[in-house]
Amino acid sequence: MKKEQKDLRLEFLEMASKMFDAMLPPDGSFPDTTINEIEDRVVTEGKELEWKLMEYRLESEGEASSAESPICPKCGKPMRGVETEVRRGLETTVGEVDYGRTYCACDRCEVAFSPHG
């Protein structure tokens, strides 16, 4: 079952909140670390947030595309939706992100594609 945007937002904010508390503990106890170690941790944890946001966006785009009735780019007639979702991985600047897309097919032109690429 797909999550609603409000649930994704809460999940994302919870993840960010935990990272914030780990970097700035509420009790003020800071472990003995160098500036480079702090920077490495901020960059690593920031990438996790970027990756999660990228994943949410790609999944949400795929859901939006499944609700539409796309038109064949070749003949201009409505295409039929393919029932199964195709999962794939995409290498991005934040790492590989897995997401799903529904595909459409035009039986007249033998064209198949995902409306959102």
N, C-alpha and C. Protein backbone atom coordinates (compact mmCIF):
# COMPACT_ATOMS: atom_id res chain seq x y z
N MET A 1 0.83 -1.18 0.00
CA MET A 1 0.00 0.00 0.00
C MET A 1 0.88 1.25 0.00
N LYS A 2 0.58 2.18 -0.87
CA LYS A 2 1.35 3.42 -0.99
C LYS A 2 1.03 4.36 0.16
N LYS A 3 2.04 5.08 0.63
CA LYS A 3 1.85 6.03 1.72
C LYS A 3 1.36 7.36 1.17
N GLU A 4 0.56 8.05 1.97
CA GLU A 4 0.08 9.37 1.60
C GLU A 4 1.18 10.39 1.89
N GLN A 5 1.07 11.56 1.24
CA GLN A 5 2.10 12.59 1.39
C GLN A 5 2.28 12.99 2.85
N LYS A 6 1.20 13.12 3.60
CA LYS A 6 1.34 13.53 5.02
C LYS A 6 2.13 12.50 5.81
N ASP A 7 1.95 11.20 5.48
CA ASP A 7 2.71 10.15 6.17
C ASP A 7 4.18 10.19 5.77
N LEU A 8 4.45 10.45 4.50
CA LEU A 8 5.84 10.58 4.04
C LEU A 8 6.52 11.76 4.72
N ARG A 9 5.78 12.87 4.84
CA ARG A 9 6.32 14.07 5.50
C ARG A 9 6.70 13.75 6.95
N LEU A 10 5.79 13.10 7.66
CA LEU A 10 6.07 12.76 9.06
C LEU A 10 7.27 11.83 9.19
N GLU A 11 7.35 10.85 8.30
CA GLU A 11 8.48 9.91 8.30
C GLU A 11 9.79 10.66 8.04
N PHE A 12 9.78 11.56 7.07
CA PHE A 12 10.97 12.34 6.72
C PHE A 12 11.38 13.26 7.88
N LEU A 13 10.41 13.95 8.46
CA LEU A 13 10.72 14.86 9.56
C LEU A 13 11.22 14.12 10.80
N GLU A 14 10.70 12.91 11.03
CA GLU A 14 11.18 12.09 12.14
C GLU A 14 12.65 11.70 11.92
N MET A 15 12.96 11.34 10.68
CA MET A 15 14.34 10.98 10.33
C MET A 15 15.27 12.19 10.53
N ALA A 16 14.83 13.36 10.07
CA ALA A 16 15.64 14.58 10.22
C ALA A 16 15.78 14.95 11.69
N SER A 17 14.72 14.77 12.46
CA SER A 17 14.75 15.10 13.89
C SER A 17 15.76 14.22 14.64
N LYS A 18 15.78 12.94 14.31
CA LYS A 18 16.74 12.03 14.95
C LYS A 18 18.18 12.42 14.61
N MET A 19 18.41 12.82 13.37
CA MET A 19 19.75 13.25 12.96
C MET A 19 20.14 14.53 13.69
N PHE A 20 19.19 15.45 13.82
CA PHE A 20 19.46 16.70 14.53
C PHE A 20 19.84 16.41 15.98
N ASP A 21 19.06 15.56 16.65
CA ASP A 21 19.35 15.24 18.05
C ASP A 21 20.67 14.50 18.21
N ALA A 22 21.05 13.69 17.21
CA ALA A 22 22.34 13.00 17.28
C ALA A 22 23.49 13.98 17.15
N MET A 23 23.31 15.02 16.34
CA MET A 23 24.38 16.01 16.15
C MET A 23 24.41 17.05 17.27
N LEU A 24 23.24 17.39 17.79
CA LEU A 24 23.13 18.38 18.87
C LEU A 24 22.32 17.76 20.00
N PRO A 25 22.95 16.88 20.78
CA PRO A 25 22.22 16.18 21.84
C PRO A 25 21.52 17.15 22.79
N PRO A 26 20.26 16.85 23.12
CA PRO A 26 19.52 17.74 24.02
C PRO A 26 20.19 17.93 25.38
N ASP A 27 20.94 16.93 25.82
CA ASP A 27 21.61 17.05 27.12
C ASP A 27 22.94 17.80 27.04
N GLY A 28 23.32 18.21 25.82
CA GLY A 28 24.55 18.99 25.65
C GLY A 28 25.83 18.19 25.72
N SER A 29 25.74 16.88 25.73
CA SER A 29 26.95 16.05 25.80
C SER A 29 27.50 15.82 24.39
N PHE A 30 28.65 16.38 24.15
CA PHE A 30 29.29 16.23 22.85
C PHE A 30 30.49 15.30 22.98
N PRO A 31 30.53 14.25 22.16
CA PRO A 31 31.70 13.37 22.21
C PRO A 31 32.93 14.12 21.71
N ASP A 32 34.08 13.62 22.07
CA ASP A 32 35.34 14.22 21.66
C ASP A 32 35.58 13.89 20.19
N THR A 33 35.31 14.85 19.29
CA THR A 33 35.46 14.63 17.85
C THR A 33 36.17 15.82 17.22
N THR A 34 36.77 15.54 16.08
CA THR A 34 37.44 16.61 15.33
C THR A 34 36.43 17.27 14.39
N ILE A 35 36.78 18.41 13.88
CA ILE A 35 35.91 19.11 12.93
C ILE A 35 35.69 18.26 11.68
N ASN A 36 36.73 17.52 11.26
CA ASN A 36 36.59 16.65 10.08
C ASN A 36 35.60 15.52 10.34
N GLU A 37 35.62 14.96 11.54
CA GLU A 37 34.67 13.89 11.88
C GLU A 37 33.24 14.42 11.92
N ILE A 38 33.08 15.61 12.45
CA ILE A 38 31.75 16.24 12.48
C ILE A 38 31.27 16.49 11.06
N GLU A 39 32.14 17.03 10.23
CA GLU A 39 31.78 17.31 8.83
C GLU A 39 31.40 16.03 8.09
N ASP A 40 32.18 14.97 8.27
CA ASP A 40 31.89 13.70 7.61
C ASP A 40 30.51 13.18 8.02
N ARG A 41 30.22 13.29 9.29
CA ARG A 41 28.91 12.81 9.78
C ARG A 41 27.76 13.64 9.21
N VAL A 42 27.92 14.96 9.17
CA VAL A 42 26.89 15.83 8.62
C VAL A 42 26.65 15.51 7.14
N VAL A 43 27.72 15.34 6.38
CA VAL A 43 27.60 15.03 4.96
C VAL A 43 26.93 13.68 4.75
N THR A 44 27.37 12.67 5.50
CA THR A 44 26.80 11.32 5.37
C THR A 44 25.31 11.32 5.71
N GLU A 45 24.95 11.91 6.82
CA GLU A 45 23.55 11.91 7.24
C GLU A 45 22.71 12.81 6.33
N GLY A 46 23.30 13.87 5.83
CA GLY A 46 22.59 14.73 4.87
C GLY A 46 22.27 13.97 3.59
N LYS A 47 23.20 13.13 3.15
CA LYS A 47 22.98 12.31 1.95
C LYS A 47 21.82 11.34 2.17
N GLU A 48 21.70 10.82 3.39
CA GLU A 48 20.58 9.92 3.68
C GLU A 48 19.24 10.64 3.51
N LEU A 49 19.18 11.88 3.98
CA LEU A 49 17.95 12.67 3.81
C LEU A 49 17.69 12.97 2.33
N GLU A 50 18.74 13.32 1.61
CA GLU A 50 18.60 13.58 0.17
C GLU A 50 18.09 12.34 -0.55
N TRP A 51 18.67 11.19 -0.22
CA TRP A 51 18.30 9.93 -0.86
C TRP A 51 16.82 9.62 -0.59
N LYS A 52 16.40 9.78 0.64
CA LYS A 52 15.01 9.49 1.02
C LYS A 52 14.05 10.42 0.28
N LEU A 53 14.39 11.69 0.18
CA LEU A 53 13.53 12.64 -0.53
C LEU A 53 13.45 12.32 -2.02
N MET A 54 14.58 11.91 -2.61
CA MET A 54 14.60 11.50 -4.01
C MET A 54 13.70 10.28 -4.21
N GLU A 55 13.80 9.31 -3.31
CA GLU A 55 12.97 8.11 -3.39
C GLU A 55 11.48 8.47 -3.31
N TYR A 56 11.11 9.32 -2.35
CA TYR A 56 9.71 9.74 -2.21
C TYR A 56 9.21 10.41 -3.49
N ARG A 57 10.03 11.29 -4.05
CA ARG A 57 9.62 12.04 -5.25
C ARG A 57 9.39 11.10 -6.42
N LEU A 58 10.34 10.19 -6.68
CA LEU A 58 10.20 9.27 -7.81
C LEU A 58 8.99 8.36 -7.65
N GLU A 59 8.78 7.86 -6.44
CA GLU A 59 7.61 7.00 -6.18
C GLU A 59 6.32 7.79 -6.39
N SER A 60 6.27 9.02 -5.89
CA SER A 60 5.06 9.83 -6.02
C SER A 60 4.76 10.17 -7.48
N GLU A 61 5.80 10.46 -8.25
CA GLU A 61 5.61 10.72 -9.69
C GLU A 61 5.03 9.50 -10.38
N GLY A 62 5.53 8.33 -10.03
CA GLY A 62 5.04 7.10 -10.62
C GLY A 62 3.58 6.85 -10.30
N GLU A 63 3.17 7.19 -9.09
CA GLU A 63 1.77 7.02 -8.69
C GLU A 63 0.89 7.98 -9.48
N ALA A 64 1.35 9.21 -9.67
CA ALA A 64 0.56 10.20 -10.41
C ALA A 64 0.38 9.75 -11.85
N SER A 65 1.42 9.17 -12.43
CA SER A 65 1.33 8.76 -13.83
C SER A 65 0.34 7.62 -14.03
N SER A 66 0.16 6.77 -13.02
CA SER A 66 -0.73 5.63 -13.17
C SER A 66 -2.19 6.06 -13.19
N ALA A 67 -2.49 7.27 -12.70
CA ALA A 67 -3.87 7.74 -12.66
C ALA A 67 -4.28 8.41 -13.98
N GLU A 68 -3.33 8.73 -14.82
CA GLU A 68 -3.62 9.42 -16.07
C GLU A 68 -3.89 8.43 -17.20
N SER A 69 -4.55 8.93 -18.26
CA SER A 69 -4.74 8.14 -19.48
C SER A 69 -3.85 8.75 -20.55
N PRO A 70 -2.63 8.25 -20.68
CA PRO A 70 -1.71 8.86 -21.64
C PRO A 70 -2.12 8.63 -23.08
N ILE A 71 -1.66 9.52 -23.91
CA ILE A 71 -1.93 9.48 -25.34
C ILE A 71 -0.67 8.97 -26.04
N CYS A 72 -0.86 8.12 -27.01
CA CYS A 72 0.27 7.58 -27.78
C CYS A 72 0.95 8.72 -28.54
N PRO A 73 2.26 8.85 -28.40
CA PRO A 73 2.97 9.92 -29.10
C PRO A 73 3.02 9.70 -30.62
N LYS A 74 2.76 8.48 -31.05
CA LYS A 74 2.83 8.15 -32.47
C LYS A 74 1.49 8.38 -33.20
N CYS A 75 0.39 7.81 -32.65
CA CYS A 75 -0.90 7.89 -33.34
C CYS A 75 -1.89 8.85 -32.69
N GLY A 76 -1.61 9.32 -31.47
CA GLY A 76 -2.49 10.27 -30.82
C GLY A 76 -3.72 9.67 -30.16
N LYS A 77 -3.82 8.36 -30.10
CA LYS A 77 -4.97 7.69 -29.48
C LYS A 77 -4.62 7.30 -28.04
N PRO A 78 -5.65 7.10 -27.19
CA PRO A 78 -5.39 6.68 -25.81
C PRO A 78 -4.66 5.34 -25.75
N MET A 79 -3.77 5.22 -24.79
CA MET A 79 -3.01 3.99 -24.59
C MET A 79 -3.62 3.22 -23.43
N ARG A 80 -3.37 1.93 -23.39
CA ARG A 80 -3.83 1.13 -22.26
C ARG A 80 -2.70 1.04 -21.24
N GLY A 81 -3.11 1.01 -19.98
CA GLY A 81 -2.13 0.85 -18.91
C GLY A 81 -1.74 -0.60 -18.77
N VAL A 82 -0.49 -0.84 -18.53
CA VAL A 82 -0.01 -2.19 -18.26
C VAL A 82 -0.17 -2.40 -16.76
N GLU A 83 -0.78 -3.50 -16.38
CA GLU A 83 -1.13 -3.73 -14.98
C GLU A 83 0.05 -3.79 -14.03
N THR A 84 1.14 -4.39 -14.44
CA THR A 84 2.25 -4.57 -13.50
C THR A 84 3.13 -3.34 -13.43
N GLU A 85 3.63 -3.10 -12.24
CA GLU A 85 4.55 -2.00 -12.02
C GLU A 85 5.96 -2.51 -12.28
N VAL A 86 6.73 -1.74 -13.01
CA VAL A 86 8.12 -2.11 -13.29
C VAL A 86 9.01 -1.37 -12.30
N ARG A 87 9.82 -2.11 -11.56
CA ARG A 87 10.75 -1.52 -10.60
C ARG A 87 12.11 -1.40 -11.26
N ARG A 88 12.76 -0.31 -10.96
CA ARG A 88 14.12 -0.16 -11.49
C ARG A 88 14.94 0.68 -10.54
N GLY A 89 16.24 0.63 -10.73
CA GLY A 89 17.17 1.43 -9.95
C GLY A 89 17.75 2.51 -10.84
N LEU A 90 17.95 3.66 -10.27
CA LEU A 90 18.51 4.79 -11.01
C LEU A 90 19.68 5.33 -10.22
N GLU A 91 20.83 5.44 -10.85
CA GLU A 91 22.01 5.99 -10.19
C GLU A 91 21.90 7.51 -10.23
N THR A 92 21.89 8.13 -9.06
CA THR A 92 21.78 9.58 -8.95
C THR A 92 22.99 10.11 -8.19
N THR A 93 23.07 11.40 -8.04
CA THR A 93 24.18 11.99 -7.29
C THR A 93 24.12 11.64 -5.81
N VAL A 94 22.96 11.18 -5.34
CA VAL A 94 22.84 10.78 -3.92
C VAL A 94 22.89 9.27 -3.76
N GLY A 95 23.19 8.55 -4.83
CA GLY A 95 23.27 7.10 -4.78
C GLY A 95 22.17 6.46 -5.60
N GLU A 96 22.15 5.13 -5.61
CA GLU A 96 21.12 4.43 -6.38
C GLU A 96 19.79 4.49 -5.65
N VAL A 97 18.75 4.88 -6.39
CA VAL A 97 17.40 4.98 -5.84
C VAL A 97 16.51 4.00 -6.60
N ASP A 98 15.79 3.16 -5.86
CA ASP A 98 14.84 2.23 -6.46
C ASP A 98 13.46 2.88 -6.48
N TYR A 99 12.75 2.69 -7.58
CA TYR A 99 11.40 3.24 -7.68
C TYR A 99 10.59 2.41 -8.66
N GLY A 100 9.29 2.60 -8.63
CA GLY A 100 8.40 1.86 -9.51
C GLY A 100 7.70 2.78 -10.50
N ARG A 101 7.43 2.24 -11.66
CA ARG A 101 6.71 2.97 -12.71
C ARG A 101 5.70 2.04 -13.35
N THR A 102 4.54 2.56 -13.64
CA THR A 102 3.61 1.80 -14.46
C THR A 102 3.88 2.18 -15.90
N TYR A 103 3.66 1.25 -16.78
CA TYR A 103 3.91 1.50 -18.19
C TYR A 103 2.61 1.46 -18.97
N CYS A 104 2.60 2.11 -20.10
CA CYS A 104 1.46 2.14 -21.00
C CYS A 104 1.88 1.53 -22.32
N ALA A 105 0.90 0.99 -23.04
CA ALA A 105 1.20 0.38 -24.33
C ALA A 105 0.14 0.79 -25.34
N CYS A 106 0.57 0.99 -26.56
CA CYS A 106 -0.34 1.25 -27.68
C CYS A 106 -0.30 0.01 -28.56
N ASP A 107 -1.41 -0.72 -28.56
CA ASP A 107 -1.47 -1.95 -29.34
C ASP A 107 -1.44 -1.69 -30.84
N ARG A 108 -1.89 -0.51 -31.27
CA ARG A 108 -1.90 -0.17 -32.70
C ARG A 108 -0.48 0.10 -33.21
N CYS A 109 0.28 0.84 -32.41
CA CYS A 109 1.62 1.26 -32.86
C CYS A 109 2.75 0.41 -32.27
N GLU A 110 2.41 -0.43 -31.32
CA GLU A 110 3.41 -1.25 -30.62
C GLU A 110 4.45 -0.38 -29.91
N VAL A 111 3.97 0.69 -29.29
CA VAL A 111 4.81 1.60 -28.51
C VAL A 111 4.50 1.35 -27.04
N ALA A 112 5.54 1.30 -26.21
CA ALA A 112 5.36 1.16 -24.76
C ALA A 112 6.32 2.11 -24.05
N PHE A 113 5.84 2.77 -23.03
CA PHE A 113 6.69 3.67 -22.26
C PHE A 113 6.02 4.05 -20.96
N SER A 114 6.79 4.65 -20.07
CA SER A 114 6.24 5.20 -18.84
C SER A 114 6.02 6.68 -19.07
N PRO A 115 4.83 7.19 -18.81
CA PRO A 115 4.55 8.61 -19.05
C PRO A 115 5.49 9.57 -18.35
N HIS A 116 6.07 9.15 -17.23
CA HIS A 116 7.00 10.04 -16.51
C HIS A 116 8.45 9.65 -16.67
N GLY A 117 8.77 8.95 -17.73
CA GLY A 117 10.15 8.62 -18.03
C GLY A 117 10.74 7.54 -17.18
